[in-house]
Protein backbone atom coordinates (compact mmCIF):
# COMPACT_ATOMS: atom_id res chain seq x y z
CA UNK A 1 10.49 2.99 18.16
CA UNK A 2 9.00 0.89 15.35
CA UNK A 3 6.62 -1.68 16.85
CA UNK A 4 5.96 -4.91 14.96
CA UNK A 5 3.95 -7.00 17.41
CA UNK A 6 1.20 -9.48 16.44
CA UNK A 7 -2.08 -8.12 15.05
CA UNK A 8 -4.02 -8.55 18.31
CA UNK A 9 -5.48 -5.50 19.98
CA UNK A 10 -5.06 -6.89 23.51
CA UNK A 11 -1.38 -7.59 22.83
CA UNK A 12 -0.83 -4.16 21.24
CA UNK A 13 -2.46 -2.26 24.10
CA UNK A 14 -0.44 -4.13 26.72
CA UNK A 15 2.78 -3.57 24.75
CA UNK A 16 2.03 0.16 24.37
CA UNK A 17 1.45 0.41 28.10
CA UNK A 18 4.90 -1.10 28.70
CA UNK A 19 6.58 1.09 26.07
CA UNK A 20 4.84 4.18 27.45
CA UNK A 21 6.37 3.52 30.86
CA UNK A 22 9.87 2.65 29.59
CA UNK A 23 10.49 5.29 26.93
CA UNK A 24 11.16 9.03 27.41
CA UNK A 25 8.02 11.09 26.60
CA UNK A 26 9.50 12.59 23.42
CA UNK A 27 10.12 9.18 21.76
CA UNK A 28 7.59 8.35 19.04
CA UNK A 29 6.06 4.88 19.14
CA UNK A 30 5.18 3.93 15.56
CA UNK A 31 3.16 0.82 14.78
CA UNK A 32 3.55 -1.34 11.67
CA UNK A 33 -0.02 -2.58 12.10
CA UNK A 34 -1.69 -3.21 8.74
CA UNK A 35 -5.25 -3.27 10.01
CA UNK A 36 -5.72 -2.13 13.60
CA UNK A 37 -6.48 1.52 14.30
CA UNK A 38 -4.23 3.73 16.39
CA UNK A 39 -7.24 5.08 18.29
CA UNK A 40 -7.66 1.59 19.78
CA UNK A 41 -3.97 0.79 20.16
CA UNK A 42 -3.06 4.02 21.95
CA UNK A 43 -5.60 3.36 24.71
CA UNK A 44 -2.83 1.26 26.21
CA UNK A 45 -0.50 4.27 26.44
CA UNK A 46 -2.31 6.11 29.20
CA UNK A 47 0.44 8.66 29.97
CA UNK A 48 1.55 9.82 26.52
CA UNK A 49 -0.91 8.66 23.81
CA UNK A 50 -0.07 11.69 21.67
CA UNK A 51 3.29 10.21 20.63
CA UNK A 52 1.70 7.05 19.20
CA UNK A 53 1.10 6.74 15.46
CA UNK A 54 0.60 4.16 12.72
CA UNK A 55 3.60 4.05 10.36
CA UNK A 56 2.71 1.14 8.15
CA UNK A 57 5.43 -0.11 5.75
CA UNK A 58 4.69 -2.25 2.72
CA UNK A 59 6.14 -5.67 1.86
CA UNK A 60 8.94 -6.26 1.15
CA UNK A 61 9.68 -3.39 3.59
CA UNK A 62 13.45 -3.46 2.98
CA UNK A 63 12.78 -2.47 -0.64
CA UNK A 64 9.37 -0.82 -0.96
CA UNK A 65 9.60 2.87 0.07
CA UNK A 66 5.94 3.35 1.06
CA UNK A 67 5.04 4.22 4.66
CA UNK A 68 1.43 5.08 5.53
CA UNK A 69 1.16 7.58 8.40
CA UNK A 70 -2.14 7.43 10.32
CA UNK A 71 -2.85 9.24 13.57
CA UNK A 72 -5.30 8.11 16.21
CA UNK A 73 -7.83 10.18 18.13
CA UNK A 74 -5.13 11.34 20.57
CA UNK A 75 -2.12 11.51 18.24
CA UNK A 76 -0.58 14.98 18.15
CA UNK A 77 0.07 16.89 14.96
CA UNK A 78 3.70 17.24 16.02
CA UNK A 79 4.04 13.45 16.16
CA UNK A 80 2.66 13.04 12.64
CA UNK A 81 4.95 15.77 11.32
CA UNK A 82 8.03 14.30 13.02
CA UNK A 83 7.21 10.82 11.73
CA UNK A 84 6.83 12.08 8.18
CA UNK A 85 10.14 13.95 8.41
CA UNK A 86 11.95 10.91 9.81
CA UNK A 87 10.79 8.41 7.18
CA UNK A 88 11.40 10.90 4.39
CA UNK A 89 14.92 11.51 5.69
CA UNK A 90 15.82 7.82 5.27
CA UNK A 91 14.49 7.67 1.70
CA UNK A 92 10.94 6.43 2.32
CA UNK A 93 7.81 7.79 0.62
CA UNK A 94 5.13 8.77 3.10
CA UNK A 95 1.38 8.99 2.63
CA UNK A 96 -0.68 10.78 5.24
CA UNK A 97 -4.02 9.06 5.81
CA UNK A 98 -6.43 11.68 7.13
CA UNK A 99 -9.09 9.26 8.40
CA UNK A 100 -8.67 5.91 10.10
CA UNK A 101 -9.82 3.06 7.86
CA UNK A 102 -9.40 -0.72 8.32
CA UNK A 103 -6.40 -1.66 6.18
CA UNK A 104 -5.38 2.00 5.72
CA UNK A 105 -5.01 2.80 1.97
CA UNK A 106 -2.59 0.53 0.09
CA UNK A 107 -3.99 -2.71 1.50
CA UNK A 108 -7.54 -1.57 0.73
CA UNK A 109 -6.53 -0.93 -2.89
CA UNK A 110 -4.82 -4.31 -3.00
CA UNK A 111 -7.87 -6.01 -1.46
CA UNK A 112 -10.22 -4.47 -4.03
CA UNK A 113 -8.06 -5.73 -6.88
CA UNK A 114 -7.58 -9.17 -5.29
CA UNK A 115 -11.34 -9.58 -4.98
CA UNK A 116 -11.77 -9.23 -8.72
CA UNK A 117 -8.72 -11.39 -9.50
CA UNK A 118 -10.08 -14.22 -7.33
CA UNK A 119 -13.51 -13.83 -8.93
CA UNK A 120 -12.18 -14.05 -12.49
CA UNK A 121 -10.02 -17.10 -11.76
CA UNK A 122 -12.69 -18.91 -9.72
CA UNK A 123 -15.26 -18.33 -12.46
CA UNK A 124 -12.94 -19.81 -15.08
CA UNK A 125 -12.67 -16.54 -16.98
CA UNK A 126 -8.89 -16.63 -16.86
CA UNK A 127 -6.07 -18.66 -15.28
CA UNK A 128 -3.83 -17.38 -12.48
CA UNK A 129 -0.96 -17.14 -14.97
CA UNK A 130 -2.99 -15.10 -17.44
CA UNK A 131 -4.51 -12.76 -14.87
CA UNK A 132 -1.00 -12.11 -13.50
CA UNK A 133 0.24 -11.43 -17.03
CA UNK A 134 -2.67 -9.05 -17.62
CA UNK A 135 -1.82 -7.13 -14.47
CA UNK A 136 1.97 -7.11 -14.49
CA UNK A 137 2.36 -6.47 -18.25
CA UNK A 138 -0.64 -4.13 -18.53
CA UNK A 139 -1.80 -1.63 -15.91
CA UNK A 140 0.87 -2.80 -13.46
CA UNK A 141 3.61 -1.39 -15.69
CA UNK A 142 1.89 1.99 -15.70
CA UNK A 143 1.27 1.86 -11.93
CA UNK A 144 5.00 1.36 -11.47
CA UNK A 145 5.47 4.83 -12.94
CA UNK A 146 2.39 6.84 -11.89
CA UNK A 147 -0.68 6.31 -9.75
CA UNK A 148 -4.20 5.83 -11.04
CA UNK A 149 -5.30 9.44 -10.72
CA UNK A 150 -2.35 10.78 -12.72
CA UNK A 151 -2.84 8.04 -15.32
CA UNK A 152 -6.50 9.03 -15.61
CA UNK A 153 -5.33 12.58 -16.26
CA UNK A 154 -3.10 11.31 -19.08
CA UNK A 155 -5.90 9.03 -20.31
CA UNK A 156 -7.98 12.10 -21.01
CA UNK A 157 -5.48 13.28 -23.60
CA UNK A 158 -5.07 17.05 -24.04
CA UNK A 159 -8.32 17.52 -22.11
CA UNK A 160 -6.86 15.84 -19.04
CA UNK A 161 -8.90 14.48 -16.15
CA UNK A 162 -11.95 16.53 -17.15
CA UNK A 163 -12.15 14.85 -20.55
CA UNK A 164 -11.37 11.46 -19.01
CA UNK A 165 -14.53 11.63 -16.89
CA UNK A 166 -16.58 12.92 -19.81
CA UNK A 167 -15.48 9.98 -21.96
CA UNK A 168 -15.17 7.07 -19.52
CA UNK A 169 -17.63 7.63 -16.68
CA UNK A 170 -20.35 5.63 -18.46
CA UNK A 171 -18.30 2.53 -19.36
CA UNK A 172 -16.39 2.53 -16.08
CA UNK A 173 -19.45 2.67 -13.86
CA UNK A 174 -21.09 -0.04 -16.01
CA UNK A 175 -18.12 -2.32 -15.27
CA UNK A 176 -18.44 -1.60 -11.55
CA UNK A 177 -21.90 -3.13 -11.59
CA UNK A 178 -20.53 -6.47 -12.86
CA UNK A 179 -17.55 -6.77 -10.49
CA UNK A 180 -17.54 -10.00 -8.50
CA UNK A 181 -17.80 -10.71 -4.78
CA UNK A 182 -16.31 -14.21 -4.48
CA UNK A 183 -16.81 -16.30 -1.36
CA UNK A 184 -13.53 -18.00 -0.45
CA UNK A 185 -14.96 -21.41 0.34
CA UNK A 186 -12.53 -24.36 0.59
CA UNK A 187 -13.52 -25.35 -2.96
CA UNK A 188 -12.85 -21.87 -4.35
CA UNK A 189 -9.55 -21.66 -2.48
CA UNK A 190 -8.46 -25.01 -3.93
CA UNK A 191 -9.25 -23.79 -7.45
CA UNK A 192 -7.17 -20.66 -6.87
CA UNK A 193 -4.32 -22.59 -5.25
CA UNK A 194 -4.16 -25.16 -8.07
CA UNK A 195 -4.06 -22.39 -10.66
CA UNK A 196 -1.27 -20.58 -8.82
CA UNK A 197 0.83 -23.76 -8.56
CA UNK A 198 0.36 -24.33 -12.27
CA UNK A 199 1.80 -20.84 -12.83
CA UNK A 200 4.67 -21.35 -10.36
CA UNK A 201 5.83 -24.64 -11.86
CA UNK A 202 9.16 -25.81 -10.44
CA UNK A 203 10.30 -22.38 -9.22
CA UNK A 204 10.96 -22.06 -5.49
CA UNK A 205 9.82 -19.22 -3.21
CA UNK A 206 13.45 -18.11 -2.96
CA UNK A 207 13.82 -17.95 -6.74
CA UNK A 208 10.61 -15.95 -7.10
CA UNK A 209 11.67 -13.54 -4.36
CA UNK A 210 15.04 -12.99 -6.03
CA UNK A 211 13.34 -12.29 -9.36
CA UNK A 212 10.93 -9.84 -7.70
CA UNK A 213 13.67 -8.03 -5.78
CA UNK A 214 16.00 -7.66 -8.76
CA UNK A 215 13.28 -6.01 -10.88
CA UNK A 216 12.07 -3.88 -7.95
CA UNK A 217 15.55 -2.50 -7.33
CA UNK A 218 15.90 -1.61 -11.00
CA UNK A 219 12.50 0.09 -11.07
CA UNK A 220 13.16 2.05 -7.88
CA UNK A 221 16.53 3.20 -9.23
CA UNK A 222 14.91 4.31 -12.47
CA UNK A 223 12.10 6.14 -10.67
CA UNK A 224 14.54 7.94 -8.36
CA UNK A 225 16.64 8.98 -11.35
CA UNK A 226 13.56 10.32 -13.14
CA UNK A 227 12.43 12.19 -9.99
CA UNK A 228 15.84 13.86 -9.60
CA UNK A 229 15.80 14.87 -13.26
CA UNK A 230 12.32 16.35 -12.89
CA UNK A 231 13.34 18.29 -9.76
CA UNK A 232 16.43 19.65 -11.52
CA UNK A 233 14.33 20.87 -14.45
CA UNK A 234 11.84 22.55 -12.12
CA UNK A 235 14.69 24.53 -10.55
CA UNK A 236 16.00 25.79 -13.88
CA UNK A 237 15.47 29.56 -14.34
CA UNK A 238 12.85 30.59 -16.84
CA UNK A 239 14.37 32.50 -19.76
């Protein structure tokens, strides 16, 4: 059962108590919660807390394959394994999160990037349109192919990740010290909102969603094709 109730711990615990009573003991109860921890949620499932797990999809969930799997203090290893096998079997890409963290992994990464985006726009360094261009036509294109760690490995050239750290540790950590921590006051929010509407222009939400989905489908198809090709090559006998 995939649970998608409101992000309120009192609601979740009550719901899990009801589900725990209604469902056979071998049925997994997976939560789509993006921020609450399973250790807190599963307190509501007094009889069978071991079958409760976070299985957090990513928006838009009908297109994005990511599912973050996070166990709580009482979640069984068998539940985590079965959940991973299920989502993989329907074409999703699972990530096992070994420690409970607010926001899990993907949303924490997104939040870290959003903090700097909001800072740069609010400080007048760049407009919403230009920061979106910088992201989507720069590192975002690479992230659509490989994650940051693999790209760091490539960024090190023939020396790989070892050379990357030798060459970029100094500059990178210097940039960290200047990253912003914006306060989203009403005034700052208005500045961000006005800049976004200037970027949007006359386009509707529906038109923007259609544009996003069309490109996403093409990218996913291309990535799946590349993955199959890579797997086929890895199975080829060595001469």
